[in-house]
Amino acid sequence: MDQKQLDHFRQSLISSRDEIEQMSSINTEAAGTVTLDQSMMGRLSRIDALQGQQMAQETARRRKIQRQKIDNALRRMEAGQYGYCLICGDDIKPARLDFDPACTRCIGCMDN
């Protein structure tokens, strides 16, 4: 992989990380504690609020995992190991990295 491709993937990873951070800061309030005050809302409204809270918490968990994958990809890039399958060591095709710059396996090893 040449330097131009590495720069392209680095920029893509950084852009994705920034987007995740921005969305996470917006979504923090929705994942907070739900107040269960019966005088303020009915039973169905509380259930909706709890469901919204759970969905926000799951979204935050998934964003955290994606952020970790991006950070790991950037570390592999700095170590000169980016673009190689962690299972077999073969090159990961640039088209696959275009789809997911944080991927760690070649298409052959994804089936295993």
PDB file of N, CA and C in Angstrom:
ATOM      1  N   MET A   1       0.849  -1.168   0.000  1.00  0.00           N
ATOM      2  CA  MET A   1       0.000   0.000   0.000  1.00  0.00           C
ATOM      3  C   MET A   1       0.900   1.238   0.000  1.00  0.00           C
ATOM      4  N   ASP A   2       0.607   2.164  -0.883  1.00  0.00           N
ATOM      5  CA  ASP A   2       1.455   3.357  -0.971  1.00  0.00           C
ATOM      6  C   ASP A   2       1.007   4.439   0.026  1.00  0.00           C
ATOM      7  N   GLN A   3       1.809   5.484   0.143  1.00  0.00           N
ATOM      8  CA  GLN A   3       1.561   6.537   1.121  1.00  0.00           C
ATOM      9  C   GLN A   3       0.254   7.282   0.846  1.00  0.00           C
ATOM     10  N   LYS A   4      -0.078   7.455  -0.421  1.00  0.00           N
ATOM     11  CA  LYS A   4      -1.316   8.145  -0.773  1.00  0.00           C
ATOM     12  C   LYS A   4      -2.533   7.373  -0.259  1.00  0.00           C
ATOM     13  N   GLN A   5      -2.514   6.054  -0.422  1.00  0.00           N
ATOM     14  CA  GLN A   5      -3.613   5.230   0.078  1.00  0.00           C
ATOM     15  C   GLN A   5      -3.668   5.280   1.609  1.00  0.00           C
ATOM     16  N   LEU A   6      -2.515   5.196   2.251  1.00  0.00           N
ATOM     17  CA  LEU A   6      -2.476   5.274   3.715  1.00  0.00           C
ATOM     18  C   LEU A   6      -3.046   6.591   4.215  1.00  0.00           C
ATOM     19  N   ASP A   7      -2.675   7.682   3.564  1.00  0.00           N
ATOM     20  CA  ASP A   7      -3.194   8.994   3.949  1.00  0.00           C
ATOM     21  C   ASP A   7      -4.709   9.057   3.780  1.00  0.00           C
ATOM     22  N   HIS A   8      -5.187   8.466   2.681  1.00  0.00           N
ATOM     23  CA  HIS A   8      -6.641   8.425   2.432  1.00  0.00           C
ATOM     24  C   HIS A   8      -7.352   7.670   3.555  1.00  0.00           C
ATOM     25  N   PHE A   9      -6.848   6.496   3.925  1.00  0.00           N
ATOM     26  CA  PHE A   9      -7.485   5.697   4.974  1.00  0.00           C
ATOM     27  C   PHE A   9      -7.339   6.361   6.340  1.00  0.00           C
ATOM     28  N   ARG A  10      -6.201   6.990   6.608  1.00  0.00           N
ATOM     29  CA  ARG A  10      -6.009   7.705   7.873  1.00  0.00           C
ATOM     30  C   ARG A  10      -7.049   8.821   8.004  1.00  0.00           C
ATOM     31  N   GLN A  11      -7.219   9.584   6.936  1.00  0.00           N
ATOM     32  CA  GLN A  11      -8.190  10.675   6.960  1.00  0.00           C
ATOM     33  C   GLN A  11      -9.604  10.145   7.140  1.00  0.00           C
ATOM     34  N   SER A  12      -9.914   9.042   6.500  1.00  0.00           N
ATOM     35  CA  SER A  12     -11.230   8.431   6.640  1.00  0.00           C
ATOM     36  C   SER A  12     -11.465   7.971   8.079  1.00  0.00           C
ATOM     37  N   LEU A  13     -10.459   7.357   8.690  1.00  0.00           N
ATOM     38  CA  LEU A  13     -10.579   6.902  10.079  1.00  0.00           C
ATOM     39  C   LEU A  13     -10.756   8.073  11.038  1.00  0.00           C
ATOM     40  N   ILE A  14      -9.968   9.111  10.848  1.00  0.00           N
ATOM     41  CA  ILE A  14     -10.059  10.288  11.724  1.00  0.00           C
ATOM     42  C   ILE A  14     -11.422  10.963  11.569  1.00  0.00           C
ATOM     43  N   SER A  15     -11.897  11.047  10.346  1.00  0.00           N
ATOM     44  CA  SER A  15     -13.206  11.643  10.090  1.00  0.00           C
ATOM     45  C   SER A  15     -14.310  10.833  10.770  1.00  0.00           C
ATOM     46  N   SER A  16     -14.235   9.518  10.676  1.00  0.00           N
ATOM     47  CA  SER A  16     -15.227   8.650  11.323  1.00  0.00           C
ATOM     48  C   SER A  16     -15.181   8.801  12.837  1.00  0.00           C
ATOM     49  N   ARG A  17     -13.974   8.868  13.392  1.00  0.00           N
ATOM     50  CA  ARG A  17     -13.820   9.034  14.837  1.00  0.00           C
ATOM     51  C   ARG A  17     -14.432  10.360  15.295  1.00  0.00           C
ATOM     52  N   ASP A  18     -14.173  11.433  14.546  1.00  0.00           N
ATOM     53  CA  ASP A  18     -14.735  12.734  14.895  1.00  0.00           C
ATOM     54  C   ASP A  18     -16.264  12.716  14.845  1.00  0.00           C
ATOM     55  N   GLU A  19     -16.802  12.042  13.845  1.00  0.00           N
ATOM     56  CA  GLU A  19     -18.254  11.940  13.705  1.00  0.00           C
ATOM     57  C   GLU A  19     -18.861  11.176  14.880  1.00  0.00           C
ATOM     58  N   ILE A  20     -18.208  10.090  15.288  1.00  0.00           N
ATOM     59  CA  ILE A  20     -18.681   9.303  16.431  1.00  0.00           C
ATOM     60  C   ILE A  20     -18.660  10.142  17.701  1.00  0.00           C
ATOM     61  N   GLU A  21     -17.597  10.891  17.915  1.00  0.00           N
ATOM     62  CA  GLU A  21     -17.505  11.740  19.099  1.00  0.00           C
ATOM     63  C   GLU A  21     -18.599  12.799  19.104  1.00  0.00           C
ATOM     64  N   GLN A  22     -18.869  13.373  17.957  1.00  0.00           N
ATOM     65  CA  GLN A  22     -19.897  14.402  17.855  1.00  0.00           C
ATOM     66  C   GLN A  22     -21.276  13.809  18.156  1.00  0.00           C
ATOM     67  N   MET A  23     -21.581  12.646  17.602  1.00  0.00           N
ATOM     68  CA  MET A  23     -22.870  12.010  17.851  1.00  0.00           C
ATOM     69  C   MET A  23     -22.990  11.573  19.305  1.00  0.00           C
ATOM     70  N   SER A  24     -21.895  11.128  19.896  1.00  0.00           N
ATOM     71  CA  SER A  24     -21.918  10.688  21.287  1.00  0.00           C
ATOM     72  C   SER A  24     -22.242  11.836  22.229  1.00  0.00           C
ATOM     73  N   SER A  25     -21.692  12.993  21.965  1.00  0.00           N
ATOM     74  CA  SER A  25     -21.964  14.131  22.838  1.00  0.00           C
ATOM     75  C   SER A  25     -23.420  14.576  22.738  1.00  0.00           C
ATOM     76  N   ILE A  26     -24.017  14.412  21.583  1.00  0.00           N
ATOM     77  CA  ILE A  26     -25.424  14.768  21.401  1.00  0.00           C
ATOM     78  C   ILE A  26     -26.336  13.780  22.118  1.00  0.00           C
ATOM     79  N   ASN A  27     -25.951  12.509  22.135  1.00  0.00           N
ATOM     80  CA  ASN A  27     -26.810  11.438  22.622  1.00  0.00           C
ATOM     81  C   ASN A  27     -26.662  11.169  24.120  1.00  0.00           C
ATOM     82  N   THR A  28     -25.775  11.835  24.815  1.00  0.00           N
ATOM     83  CA  THR A  28     -25.513  11.560  26.222  1.00  0.00           C
ATOM     84  C   THR A  28     -26.751  11.756  27.092  1.00  0.00           C
ATOM     85  N   GLU A  29     -27.516  12.794  26.829  1.00  0.00           N
ATOM     86  CA  GLU A  29     -28.697  13.091  27.637  1.00  0.00           C
ATOM     87  C   GLU A  29     -29.739  11.981  27.534  1.00  0.00           C
ATOM     88  N   ALA A  30     -29.922  11.410  26.363  1.00  0.00           N
ATOM     89  CA  ALA A  30     -30.943  10.378  26.165  1.00  0.00           C
ATOM     90  C   ALA A  30     -30.618   9.095  26.921  1.00  0.00           C
ATOM     91  N   ALA A  31     -29.342   8.836  27.195  1.00  0.00           N
ATOM     92  CA  ALA A  31     -28.947   7.619  27.890  1.00  0.00           C
ATOM     93  C   ALA A  31     -29.005   7.779  29.406  1.00  0.00           C
ATOM     94  N   GLY A  32     -29.331   8.967  29.882  1.00  0.00           N
ATOM     95  CA  GLY A  32     -29.355   9.242  31.313  1.00  0.00           C
ATOM     96  C   GLY A  32     -30.505   8.560  32.026  1.00  0.00           C
ATOM     97  N   THR A  33     -30.550   8.747  33.315  1.00  0.00           N
ATOM     98  CA  THR A  33     -31.564   8.135  34.168  1.00  0.00           C
ATOM     99  C   THR A  33     -32.950   8.681  33.841  1.00  0.00           C
ATOM    100  N   VAL A  34     -33.911   7.769  33.782  1.00  0.00           N
ATOM    101  CA  VAL A  34     -35.301   8.137  33.528  1.00  0.00           C
ATOM    102  C   VAL A  34     -35.985   8.356  34.871  1.00  0.00           C
ATOM    103  N   THR A  35     -36.629   9.501  35.034  1.00  0.00           N
ATOM    104  CA  THR A  35     -37.371   9.806  36.256  1.00  0.00           C
ATOM    105  C   THR A  35     -38.737   9.146  36.172  1.00  0.00           C
ATOM    106  N   LEU A  36     -39.046   8.321  37.161  1.00  0.00           N
ATOM    107  CA  LEU A  36     -40.307   7.592  37.160  1.00  0.00           C
ATOM    108  C   LEU A  36     -41.282   8.248  38.135  1.00  0.00           C
ATOM    109  N   ASP A  37     -41.752   9.411  37.802  1.00  0.00           N
ATOM    110  CA  ASP A  37     -42.693  10.162  38.619  1.00  0.00           C
ATOM    111  C   ASP A  37     -44.088   9.959  38.043  1.00  0.00           C
ATOM    112  N   GLN A  38     -44.930   9.207  38.755  1.00  0.00           N
ATOM    113  CA  GLN A  38     -46.256   8.891  38.242  1.00  0.00           C
ATOM    114  C   GLN A  38     -47.146  10.106  38.108  1.00  0.00           C
ATOM    115  N   SER A  39     -46.868  11.151  38.859  1.00  0.00           N
ATOM    116  CA  SER A  39     -47.700  12.335  38.750  1.00  0.00           C
ATOM    117  C   SER A  39     -47.410  13.126  37.479  1.00  0.00           C
ATOM    118  N   MET A  40     -46.238  12.872  36.865  1.00  0.00           N
ATOM    119  CA  MET A  40     -45.853  13.633  35.674  1.00  0.00           C
ATOM    120  C   MET A  40     -46.140  12.890  34.371  1.00  0.00           C
ATOM    121  N   MET A  41     -46.134  11.560  34.407  1.00  0.00           N
ATOM    122  CA  MET A  41     -46.361  10.817  33.168  1.00  0.00           C
ATOM    123  C   MET A  41     -47.072   9.509  33.453  1.00  0.00           C
ATOM    124  N   GLY A  42     -47.772   9.032  32.456  1.00  0.00           N
ATOM    125  CA  GLY A  42     -48.495   7.781  32.586  1.00  0.00           C
ATOM    126  C   GLY A  42     -47.591   6.584  32.412  1.00  0.00           C
ATOM    127  N   ARG A  43     -48.170   5.405  32.621  1.00  0.00           N
ATOM    128  CA  ARG A  43     -47.409   4.164  32.554  1.00  0.00           C
ATOM    129  C   ARG A  43     -46.785   3.937  31.176  1.00  0.00           C
ATOM    130  N   LEU A  44     -47.540   4.162  30.116  1.00  0.00           N
ATOM    131  CA  LEU A  44     -47.010   3.952  28.769  1.00  0.00           C
ATOM    132  C   LEU A  44     -45.898   4.944  28.446  1.00  0.00           C
ATOM    133  N   SER A  45     -46.026   6.164  28.929  1.00  0.00           N
ATOM    134  CA  SER A  45     -44.964   7.150  28.707  1.00  0.00           C
ATOM    135  C   SER A  45     -43.683   6.740  29.410  1.00  0.00           C
ATOM    136  N   ARG A  46     -43.804   6.170  30.611  1.00  0.00           N
ATOM    137  CA  ARG A  46     -42.617   5.696  31.336  1.00  0.00           C
ATOM    138  C   ARG A  46     -41.959   4.541  30.592  1.00  0.00           C
ATOM    139  N   ILE A  47     -42.786   3.647  30.067  1.00  0.00           N
ATOM    140  CA  ILE A  47     -42.251   2.510  29.309  1.00  0.00           C
ATOM    141  C   ILE A  47     -41.525   3.011  28.069  1.00  0.00           C
ATOM    142  N   ASP A  48     -42.103   3.976  27.383  1.00  0.00           N
ATOM    143  CA  ASP A  48     -41.449   4.580  26.211  1.00  0.00           C
ATOM    144  C   ASP A  48     -40.127   5.231  26.607  1.00  0.00           C
ATOM    145  N   ALA A  49     -40.135   5.932  27.739  1.00  0.00           N
ATOM    146  CA  ALA A  49     -38.913   6.601  28.200  1.00  0.00           C
ATOM    147  C   ALA A  49     -37.831   5.579  28.533  1.00  0.00           C
ATOM    148  N   LEU A  50     -38.215   4.483  29.198  1.00  0.00           N
ATOM    149  CA  LEU A  50     -37.240   3.434  29.530  1.00  0.00           C
ATOM    150  C   LEU A  50     -36.701   2.760  28.272  1.00  0.00           C
ATOM    151  N   GLN A  51     -37.578   2.529  27.308  1.00  0.00           N
ATOM    152  CA  GLN A  51     -37.145   1.927  26.050  1.00  0.00           C
ATOM    153  C   GLN A  51     -36.182   2.865  25.321  1.00  0.00           C
ATOM    154  N   GLY A  52     -36.493   4.146  25.295  1.00  0.00           N
ATOM    155  CA  GLY A  52     -35.596   5.129  24.680  1.00  0.00           C
ATOM    156  C   GLY A  52     -34.244   5.165  25.366  1.00  0.00           C
ATOM    157  N   GLN A  53     -34.261   5.054  26.703  1.00  0.00           N
ATOM    158  CA  GLN A  53     -33.016   5.038  27.458  1.00  0.00           C
ATOM    159  C   GLN A  53     -32.176   3.815  27.082  1.00  0.00           C
ATOM    160  N   GLN A  54     -32.794   2.645  27.021  1.00  0.00           N
ATOM    161  CA  GLN A  54     -32.077   1.421  26.669  1.00  0.00           C
ATOM    162  C   GLN A  54     -31.496   1.499  25.255  1.00  0.00           C
ATOM    163  N   MET A  55     -32.266   2.053  24.333  1.00  0.00           N
ATOM    164  CA  MET A  55     -31.781   2.189  22.961  1.00  0.00           C
ATOM    165  C   MET A  55     -30.593   3.147  22.905  1.00  0.00           C
ATOM    166  N   ALA A  56     -30.653   4.230  23.653  1.00  0.00           N
ATOM    167  CA  ALA A  56     -29.548   5.190  23.687  1.00  0.00           C
ATOM    168  C   ALA A  56     -28.306   4.573  24.304  1.00  0.00           C
ATOM    169  N   GLN A  57     -28.480   3.755  25.347  1.00  0.00           N
ATOM    170  CA  GLN A  57     -27.337   3.097  25.975  1.00  0.00           C
ATOM    171  C   GLN A  57     -26.698   2.087  25.025  1.00  0.00           C
ATOM    172  N   GLU A  58     -27.508   1.346  24.289  1.00  0.00           N
ATOM    173  CA  GLU A  58     -26.962   0.386  23.322  1.00  0.00           C
ATOM    174  C   GLU A  58     -26.242   1.102  22.193  1.00  0.00           C
ATOM    175  N   THR A  59     -26.792   2.202  21.737  1.00  0.00           N
ATOM    176  CA  THR A  59     -26.136   2.996  20.699  1.00  0.00           C
ATOM    177  C   THR A  59     -24.787   3.504  21.193  1.00  0.00           C
ATOM    178  N   ALA A  60     -24.736   3.960  22.431  1.00  0.00           N
ATOM    179  CA  ALA A  60     -23.474   4.437  23.016  1.00  0.00           C
ATOM    180  C   ALA A  60     -22.468   3.306  23.106  1.00  0.00           C
ATOM    181  N   ARG A  61     -22.927   2.106  23.463  1.00  0.00           N
ATOM    182  CA  ARG A  61     -22.024   0.948  23.557  1.00  0.00           C
ATOM    183  C   ARG A  61     -21.438   0.608  22.181  1.00  0.00           C
ATOM    184  N   ARG A  62     -22.283   0.634  21.163  1.00  0.00           N
ATOM    185  CA  ARG A  62     -21.813   0.330  19.806  1.00  0.00           C
ATOM    186  C   ARG A  62     -20.839   1.392  19.297  1.00  0.00           C
ATOM    187  N   ARG A  63     -21.103   2.643  19.617  1.00  0.00           N
ATOM    188  CA  ARG A  63     -20.181   3.713  19.217  1.00  0.00           C
ATOM    189  C   ARG A  63     -18.834   3.563  19.912  1.00  0.00           C
ATOM    190  N   LYS A  64     -18.850   3.146  21.165  1.00  0.00           N
ATOM    191  CA  LYS A  64     -17.601   2.946  21.904  1.00  0.00           C
ATOM    192  C   LYS A  64     -16.773   1.839  21.249  1.00  0.00           C
ATOM    193  N   ILE A  65     -17.428   0.765  20.857  1.00  0.00           N
ATOM    194  CA  ILE A  65     -16.729  -0.341  20.186  1.00  0.00           C
ATOM    195  C   ILE A  65     -16.156   0.126  18.856  1.00  0.00           C
ATOM    196  N   GLN A  66     -16.945   0.880  18.090  1.00  0.00           N
ATOM    197  CA  GLN A  66     -16.458   1.391  16.803  1.00  0.00           C
ATOM    198  C   GLN A  66     -15.279   2.329  17.006  1.00  0.00           C
ATOM    199  N   ARG A  67     -15.346   3.154  18.027  1.00  0.00           N
ATOM    200  CA  ARG A  67     -14.242   4.075  18.343  1.00  0.00           C
ATOM    201  C   ARG A  67     -12.972   3.290  18.673  1.00  0.00           C
ATOM    202  N   GLN A  68     -13.101   2.194  19.427  1.00  0.00           N
ATOM    203  CA  GLN A  68     -11.953   1.353  19.753  1.00  0.00           C
ATOM    204  C   GLN A  68     -11.356   0.728  18.497  1.00  0.00           C
ATOM    205  N   LYS A  69     -12.216   0.279  17.578  1.00  0.00           N
ATOM    206  CA  LYS A  69     -11.732  -0.303  16.319  1.00  0.00           C
ATOM    207  C   LYS A  69     -10.958   0.744  15.511  1.00  0.00           C
ATOM    208  N   ILE A  70     -11.463   1.960  15.477  1.00  0.00           N
ATOM    209  CA  ILE A  70     -10.793   3.040  14.738  1.00  0.00           C
ATOM    210  C   ILE A  70      -9.444   3.353  15.370  1.00  0.00           C
ATOM    211  N   ASP A  71      -9.418   3.472  16.700  1.00  0.00           N
ATOM    212  CA  ASP A  71      -8.157   3.753  17.398  1.00  0.00           C
ATOM    213  C   ASP A  71      -7.132   2.646  17.162  1.00  0.00           C
ATOM    214  N   ASN A  72      -7.600   1.392  17.169  1.00  0.00           N
ATOM    215  CA  ASN A  72      -6.698   0.269  16.904  1.00  0.00           C
ATOM    216  C   ASN A  72      -6.150   0.326  15.477  1.00  0.00           C
ATOM    217  N   ALA A  73      -6.995   0.680  14.530  1.00  0.00           N
ATOM    218  CA  ALA A  73      -6.551   0.784  13.136  1.00  0.00           C
ATOM    219  C   ALA A  73      -5.493   1.883  12.997  1.00  0.00           C
ATOM    220  N   LEU A  74      -5.697   3.008  13.675  1.00  0.00           N
ATOM    221  CA  LEU A  74      -4.708   4.088  13.617  1.00  0.00           C
ATOM    222  C   LEU A  74      -3.389   3.664  14.267  1.00  0.00           C
ATOM    223  N   ARG A  75      -3.458   2.886  15.342  1.00  0.00           N
ATOM    224  CA  ARG A  75      -2.224   2.359  15.966  1.00  0.00           C
ATOM    225  C   ARG A  75      -1.502   1.389  15.034  1.00  0.00           C
ATOM    226  N   ARG A  76      -2.283   0.527  14.355  1.00  0.00           N
ATOM    227  CA  ARG A  76      -1.661  -0.398  13.389  1.00  0.00           C
ATOM    228  C   ARG A  76      -1.006   0.383  12.259  1.00  0.00           C
ATOM    229  N   MET A  77      -1.638   1.480  11.868  1.00  0.00           N
ATOM    230  CA  MET A  77      -1.095   2.316  10.803  1.00  0.00           C
ATOM    231  C   MET A  77       0.252   2.900  11.231  1.00  0.00           C
ATOM    232  N   GLU A  78       0.335   3.402  12.461  1.00  0.00           N
ATOM    233  CA  GLU A  78       1.578   3.978  12.975  1.00  0.00           C
ATOM    234  C   GLU A  78       2.674   2.917  13.119  1.00  0.00           C
ATOM    235  N   ALA A  79       2.274   1.684  13.384  1.00  0.00           N
ATOM    236  CA  ALA A  79       3.233   0.593  13.546  1.00  0.00           C
ATOM    237  C   ALA A  79       3.613  -0.061  12.221  1.00  0.00           C
ATOM    238  N   GLY A  80       3.007   0.395  11.122  1.00  0.00           N
ATOM    239  CA  GLY A  80       3.304  -0.179   9.815  1.00  0.00           C
ATOM    240  C   GLY A  80       2.629  -1.508   9.563  1.00  0.00           C
ATOM    241  N   GLN A  81       1.570  -1.802  10.325  1.00  0.00           N
ATOM    242  CA  GLN A  81       0.878  -3.085  10.198  1.00  0.00           C
ATOM    243  C   GLN A  81      -0.530  -2.941   9.612  1.00  0.00           C
ATOM    244  N   TYR A  82      -0.867  -1.742   9.195  1.00  0.00           N
ATOM    245  CA  TYR A  82      -2.211  -1.500   8.666  1.00  0.00           C
ATOM    246  C   TYR A  82      -2.353  -2.093   7.274  1.00  0.00           C
ATOM    247  N   GLY A  83      -3.522  -2.673   7.018  1.00  0.00           N
ATOM    248  CA  GLY A  83      -3.812  -3.227   5.703  1.00  0.00           C
ATOM    249  C   GLY A  83      -3.446  -4.686   5.555  1.00  0.00           C
ATOM    250  N   TYR A  84      -3.010  -5.293   6.661  1.00  0.00           N
ATOM    251  CA  TYR A  84      -2.672  -6.713   6.655  1.00  0.00           C
ATOM    252  C   TYR A  84      -3.650  -7.457   7.554  1.00  0.00           C
ATOM    253  N   CYS A  85      -4.084  -8.622   7.106  1.00  0.00           N
ATOM    254  CA  CYS A  85      -5.018  -9.451   7.855  1.00  0.00           C
ATOM    255  C   CYS A  85      -4.365  -9.926   9.150  1.00  0.00           C
ATOM    256  N   LEU A  86      -5.070  -9.803  10.255  1.00  0.00           N
ATOM    257  CA  LEU A  86      -4.539 -10.246  11.543  1.00  0.00           C
ATOM    258  C   LEU A  86      -4.531 -11.763  11.683  1.00  0.00           C
ATOM    259  N   ILE A  87      -5.272 -12.456  10.821  1.00  0.00           N
ATOM    260  CA  ILE A  87      -5.345 -13.910  10.891  1.00  0.00           C
ATOM    261  C   ILE A  87      -4.266 -14.559  10.018  1.00  0.00           C
ATOM    262  N   CYS A  88      -4.261 -14.223   8.732  1.00  0.00           N
ATOM    263  CA  CYS A  88      -3.348 -14.899   7.795  1.00  0.00           C
ATOM    264  C   CYS A  88      -2.149 -14.049   7.391  1.00  0.00           C
ATOM    265  N   GLY A  89      -2.207 -12.739   7.635  1.00  0.00           N
ATOM    266  CA  GLY A  89      -1.094 -11.857   7.285  1.00  0.00           C
ATOM    267  C   GLY A  89      -1.109 -11.343   5.862  1.00  0.00           C
ATOM    268  N   ASP A  90      -2.069 -11.786   5.052  1.00  0.00           N
ATOM    269  CA  ASP A  90      -2.162 -11.305   3.667  1.00  0.00           C
ATOM    270  C   ASP A  90      -2.669  -9.860   3.631  1.00  0.00           C
ATOM    271  N   ASP A  91      -2.473  -9.219   2.480  1.00  0.00           N
ATOM    272  CA  ASP A  91      -2.980  -7.862   2.297  1.00  0.00           C
ATOM    273  C   ASP A  91      -4.508  -7.869   2.299  1.00  0.00           C
ATOM    274  N   ILE A  92      -5.077  -6.846   2.901  1.00  0.00           N
ATOM    275  CA  ILE A  92      -6.524  -6.622   2.806  1.00  0.00           C
ATOM    276  C   ILE A  92      -6.732  -5.721   1.597  1.00  0.00           C
ATOM    277  N   LYS A  93      -7.614  -6.117   0.715  1.00  0.00           N
ATOM    278  CA  LYS A  93      -7.822  -5.362  -0.521  1.00  0.00           C
ATOM    279  C   LYS A  93      -8.296  -3.936  -0.223  1.00  0.00           C
ATOM    280  N   PRO A  94      -7.769  -2.955  -0.976  1.00  0.00           N
ATOM    281  CA  PRO A  94      -8.166  -1.557  -0.765  1.00  0.00           C
ATOM    282  C   PRO A  94      -9.672  -1.328  -0.878  1.00  0.00           C
ATOM    283  N   ALA A  95     -10.353  -2.082  -1.730  1.00  0.00           N
ATOM    284  CA  ALA A  95     -11.806  -1.924  -1.848  1.00  0.00           C
ATOM    285  C   ALA A  95     -12.495  -2.296  -0.530  1.00  0.00           C
ATOM    286  N   ARG A  96     -11.974  -3.297   0.141  1.00  0.00           N
ATOM    287  CA  ARG A  96     -12.525  -3.698   1.446  1.00  0.00           C
ATOM    288  C   ARG A  96     -12.253  -2.620   2.487  1.00  0.00           C
ATOM    289  N   LEU A  97     -11.060  -2.047   2.451  1.00  0.00           N
ATOM    290  CA  LEU A  97     -10.717  -0.979   3.388  1.00  0.00           C
ATOM    291  C   LEU A  97     -11.518   0.288   3.095  1.00  0.00           C
ATOM    292  N   ASP A  98     -11.876   0.509   1.833  1.00  0.00           N
ATOM    293  CA  ASP A  98     -12.747   1.640   1.503  1.00  0.00           C
ATOM    294  C   ASP A  98     -14.110   1.475   2.169  1.00  0.00           C
ATOM    295  N   PHE A  99     -14.594   0.242   2.186  1.00  0.00           N
ATOM    296  CA  PHE A  99     -15.886  -0.045   2.803  1.00  0.00           C
ATOM    297  C   PHE A  99     -15.813   0.105   4.320  1.00  0.00           C
ATOM    298  N   ASP A 100     -14.736  -0.450   4.931  1.00  0.00           N
ATOM    299  CA  ASP A 100     -14.539  -0.359   6.386  1.00  0.00           C
ATOM    300  C   ASP A 100     -13.052  -0.205   6.668  1.00  0.00           C
ATOM    301  N   PRO A 101     -12.589   1.023   6.820  1.00  0.00           N
ATOM    302  CA  PRO A 101     -11.155   1.258   7.042  1.00  0.00           C
ATOM    303  C   PRO A 101     -10.619   0.659   8.333  1.00  0.00           C
ATOM    304  N   ALA A 102     -11.494   0.267   9.247  1.00  0.00           N
ATOM    305  CA  ALA A 102     -11.059  -0.301  10.518  1.00  0.00           C
ATOM    306  C   ALA A 102     -11.051  -1.826  10.505  1.00  0.00           C
ATOM    307  N   CYS A 103     -11.359  -2.450   9.361  1.00  0.00           N
ATOM    308  CA  CYS A 103     -11.425  -3.918   9.339  1.00  0.00           C
ATOM    309  C   CYS A 103     -10.046  -4.525   9.587  1.00  0.00           C
ATOM    310  N   THR A 104     -10.053  -5.723  10.163  1.00  0.00           N
ATOM    311  CA  THR A 104      -8.808  -6.379  10.556  1.00  0.00           C
ATOM    312  C   THR A 104      -8.569  -7.699   9.837  1.00  0.00           C
ATOM    313  N   ARG A 105      -9.525  -8.116   9.030  1.00  0.00           N
ATOM    314  CA  ARG A 105      -9.405  -9.415   8.349  1.00  0.00           C
ATOM    315  C   ARG A 105      -9.653  -9.274   6.858  1.00  0.00           C
ATOM    316  N   CYS A 106      -8.963 -10.108   6.101  1.00  0.00           N
ATOM    317  CA  CYS A 106      -9.220 -10.173   4.667  1.00  0.00           C
ATOM    318  C   CYS A 106     -10.557 -10.895   4.462  1.00  0.00           C
ATOM    319  N   ILE A 107     -11.080 -10.818   3.273  1.00  0.00           N
ATOM    320  CA  ILE A 107     -12.391 -11.416   2.998  1.00  0.00           C
ATOM    321  C   ILE A 107     -12.367 -12.930   3.187  1.00  0.00           C
ATOM    322  N   GLY A 108     -11.242 -13.561   2.885  1.00  0.00           N
ATOM    323  CA  GLY A 108     -11.136 -15.016   3.075  1.00  0.00           C
ATOM    324  C   GLY A 108     -11.216 -15.436   4.537  1.00  0.00           C
ATOM    325  N   CYS A 109     -10.632 -14.660   5.408  1.00  0.00           N
ATOM    326  CA  CYS A 109     -10.629 -14.994   6.834  1.00  0.00           C
ATOM    327  C   CYS A 109     -11.914 -14.574   7.552  1.00  0.00           C
ATOM    328  N   MET A 110     -12.730 -13.747   6.927  1.00  0.00           N
ATOM    329  CA  MET A 110     -13.990 -13.351   7.554  1.00  0.00           C
ATOM    330  C   MET A 110     -14.951 -14.536   7.663  1.00  0.00           C
ATOM    331  N   ASP A 111     -14.836 -15.479   6.757  1.00  0.00           N
ATOM    332  CA  ASP A 111     -15.720 -16.651   6.780  1.00  0.00           C
ATOM    333  C   ASP A 111     -15.348 -17.620   7.889  1.00  0.00           C
ATOM    334  N   ASN A 112     -14.123 -17.550   8.360  1.00  0.00           N
ATOM    335  CA  ASN A 112     -13.649 -18.489   9.386  1.00  0.00           C
ATOM    336  C   ASN A 112     -13.990 -18.035  10.767  1.00  0.00           C
TER     337      ASN A 112
END
